[in-house]
Amino acid sequence: MTFKLSQRSLGRLDGVKNELFSVVTSAISQSSVDFGVISGMRTQAEQDDLVARGASQTRKSKHLTGDAVDLMAYVSVNGKSRASWELNLYDDIADAMAKAAREKGIKIRWGGAWSVDSIGEYEGTMEEAMNEYIDLRRSEGRRPFIDGPHFEIMPH
């Protein structure tokens, strides 16, 4: 099934860099999981509020510059579309984002695999990339920070 972004999701891409817009709009048509955009550009006040609530770890988010988006997975339950936080859905979305990034030659980093600077260049699935990141953090004695909905442009 081919999915497409709603008008609300497209509106939430306002102000996002063209390269990222291009990857997101291409990925939705290739994704095995329906998704929408829950956050694109943010003001400093919005970012500060997220930090205060513990929903973000930085005041210097790439959302402030149009270099990041957060995506929400949707699943069908009894014929109705429902938002889902199931992590396995996000690595499927990340696979579609990686494919679109590769096709467009754009470097994208995913919040599920922070150690991979360009998911489009990664050889393997995004589930494998996430597991490698988790193993790396644990080998360093550090806790992994998984932000499955988050995708950001990396410098070329």
Protein backbone atom coordinates (compact mmCIF):
# COMPACT_ATOMS: atom_id res chain seq x y z
CA MET A 1 0.00 0.00 0.00
CA THR A 2 1.24 3.48 -0.84
CA PHE A 3 0.84 6.07 1.88
CA LYS A 4 0.84 9.86 1.56
CA LEU A 5 1.23 12.73 3.98
CA SER A 6 -1.85 14.56 5.24
CA GLN A 7 -2.27 18.31 4.82
CA ARG A 8 -1.52 18.67 8.54
CA SER A 9 1.77 16.79 8.15
CA LEU A 10 2.71 18.83 5.08
CA GLY A 11 1.98 22.00 7.07
CA ARG A 12 4.30 20.80 9.82
CA LEU A 13 7.08 20.61 7.24
CA ASP A 14 6.87 24.39 6.68
CA GLY A 15 10.30 25.88 7.28
CA VAL A 16 12.09 22.50 7.15
CA LYS A 17 15.09 22.48 4.80
CA ASN A 18 14.22 21.45 1.22
CA GLU A 19 16.51 18.39 1.32
CA LEU A 20 14.79 17.01 4.40
CA PHE A 21 11.33 17.83 2.99
CA SER A 22 12.30 15.90 -0.15
CA VAL A 23 13.45 12.82 1.79
CA VAL A 24 10.33 12.73 4.02
CA THR A 25 7.90 13.14 1.10
CA SER A 26 9.69 10.44 -0.87
CA ALA A 27 9.94 8.06 2.11
CA ILE A 28 6.19 8.09 2.82
CA SER A 29 5.46 6.64 -0.62
CA GLN A 30 8.04 3.85 -0.07
CA SER A 31 7.31 3.06 3.57
CA SER A 32 5.76 -0.18 4.78
CA VAL A 33 4.43 1.82 7.77
CA ASP A 34 2.13 4.83 7.54
CA PHE A 35 3.51 7.91 9.26
CA GLY A 36 2.90 11.60 9.77
CA VAL A 37 5.00 14.57 10.77
CA ILE A 38 4.55 15.57 14.42
CA SER A 39 7.26 18.22 14.55
CA GLY A 40 9.36 20.20 12.10
CA MET A 41 10.46 23.75 12.90
CA ARG A 42 10.32 24.82 16.54
CA THR A 43 10.75 28.14 18.30
CA GLN A 44 13.27 28.46 21.13
CA ALA A 45 10.36 28.76 23.59
CA GLU A 46 8.87 25.46 22.34
CA GLN A 47 12.26 23.77 22.62
CA ASP A 48 12.84 25.16 26.12
CA ASP A 49 9.44 23.79 27.17
CA LEU A 50 10.32 20.32 25.83
CA VAL A 51 13.60 20.37 27.77
CA ALA A 52 11.79 21.48 30.94
CA ARG A 53 9.33 18.58 30.56
CA GLY A 54 12.11 16.08 29.90
CA ALA A 55 10.92 15.43 26.34
CA SER A 56 14.18 16.75 24.86
CA GLN A 57 17.77 16.75 26.07
CA THR A 58 19.05 19.90 24.36
CA ARG A 59 18.23 23.57 23.99
CA LYS A 60 20.20 23.57 20.70
CA SER A 61 17.91 21.26 18.72
CA LYS A 62 18.24 20.95 14.96
CA HIS A 63 14.47 21.61 14.91
CA LEU A 64 15.31 25.30 15.52
CA THR A 65 17.07 25.55 12.15
CA GLY A 66 14.79 23.38 10.00
CA ASP A 67 17.31 20.54 9.97
CA ALA A 68 15.17 17.96 11.83
CA VAL A 69 11.75 16.32 11.87
CA ASP A 70 9.95 13.96 14.22
CA LEU A 71 7.69 11.38 12.60
CA MET A 72 4.78 9.44 14.15
CA ALA A 73 3.93 5.88 13.12
CA TYR A 74 0.30 5.01 12.48
CA VAL A 75 -1.30 1.57 12.62
CA SER A 76 -4.79 0.47 11.73
CA VAL A 77 -6.86 -0.78 14.68
CA ASN A 78 -10.39 -1.93 13.88
CA GLY A 79 -10.29 0.10 10.68
CA LYS A 80 -9.17 3.30 12.42
CA SER A 81 -5.73 4.85 12.19
CA ARG A 82 -4.02 5.14 15.58
CA ALA A 83 -0.66 6.59 16.60
CA SER A 84 1.85 4.05 17.87
CA TRP A 85 5.15 4.28 19.75
CA GLU A 86 6.17 0.65 19.02
CA LEU A 87 9.89 0.90 18.27
CA ASN A 88 9.87 -1.78 15.56
CA LEU A 89 7.61 0.49 13.46
CA TYR A 90 10.20 3.27 13.64
CA ASP A 91 13.04 1.15 12.32
CA ASP A 92 10.75 0.28 9.37
CA ILE A 93 10.14 4.02 8.81
CA ALA A 94 13.90 4.56 9.11
CA ASP A 95 14.43 1.94 6.38
CA ALA A 96 12.18 4.01 4.07
CA MET A 97 13.97 7.23 5.08
CA ALA A 98 17.35 5.55 4.38
CA LYS A 99 16.20 4.44 0.93
CA ALA A 100 14.91 7.93 0.08
CA ALA A 101 18.10 9.56 1.43
CA ARG A 102 20.24 7.18 -0.64
CA GLU A 103 18.24 7.92 -3.82
CA LYS A 104 18.56 11.68 -3.27
CA GLY A 105 22.18 11.68 -2.08
CA ILE A 106 21.27 13.40 1.20
CA LYS A 107 22.95 12.56 4.52
CA ILE A 108 20.34 11.82 7.20
CA ARG A 109 20.95 10.68 10.79
CA TRP A 110 18.28 8.76 12.70
CA GLY A 111 17.68 9.10 16.44
CA GLY A 112 17.56 5.32 16.77
CA ALA A 113 21.16 4.95 15.58
CA TRP A 114 23.07 8.12 16.51
CA SER A 115 26.41 6.54 15.62
CA VAL A 116 25.46 6.33 11.91
CA ASP A 117 25.96 9.74 10.28
CA SER A 118 24.30 8.75 6.99
CA ILE A 119 21.61 6.07 7.14
CA GLY A 120 21.46 6.06 3.33
CA GLU A 121 25.05 4.85 3.21
CA TYR A 122 24.61 2.21 5.92
CA GLU A 123 24.79 -1.34 4.62
CA GLY A 124 22.11 -3.19 6.53
CA THR A 125 18.71 -2.58 8.04
CA MET A 126 17.98 0.24 10.43
CA GLU A 127 17.17 -2.36 13.08
CA GLU A 128 20.76 -3.60 12.71
CA ALA A 129 22.06 0.00 12.88
CA MET A 130 20.08 0.60 16.07
CA ASN A 131 21.37 -2.60 17.66
CA GLU A 132 24.97 -1.64 16.77
CA TYR A 133 24.43 1.79 18.39
CA ILE A 134 23.00 0.15 21.55
CA ASP A 135 25.95 -2.27 21.71
CA LEU A 136 28.42 0.60 21.21
CA ARG A 137 26.92 2.68 24.03
CA ARG A 138 26.87 -0.28 26.40
CA SER A 139 30.51 -1.12 25.56
CA GLU A 140 31.35 2.45 26.58
CA GLY A 141 29.46 1.98 29.85
CA ARG A 142 26.88 4.51 28.66
CA ARG A 143 23.15 4.30 28.33
CA PRO A 144 21.75 4.39 24.77
CA PHE A 145 19.38 7.26 23.95
CA ILE A 146 16.81 6.01 21.43
CA ASP A 147 14.72 8.71 19.74
CA GLY A 148 12.93 6.62 17.11
CA PRO A 149 10.77 9.42 15.66
CA HIS A 150 13.74 11.80 15.07
CA PHE A 151 15.54 12.36 11.74
CA GLU A 152 18.03 15.12 10.94
CA ILE A 153 20.13 16.37 8.04
CA MET A 154 23.89 16.00 8.40
CA PRO A 155 26.45 18.31 6.75
CA HIS A 156 27.77 17.03 3.43
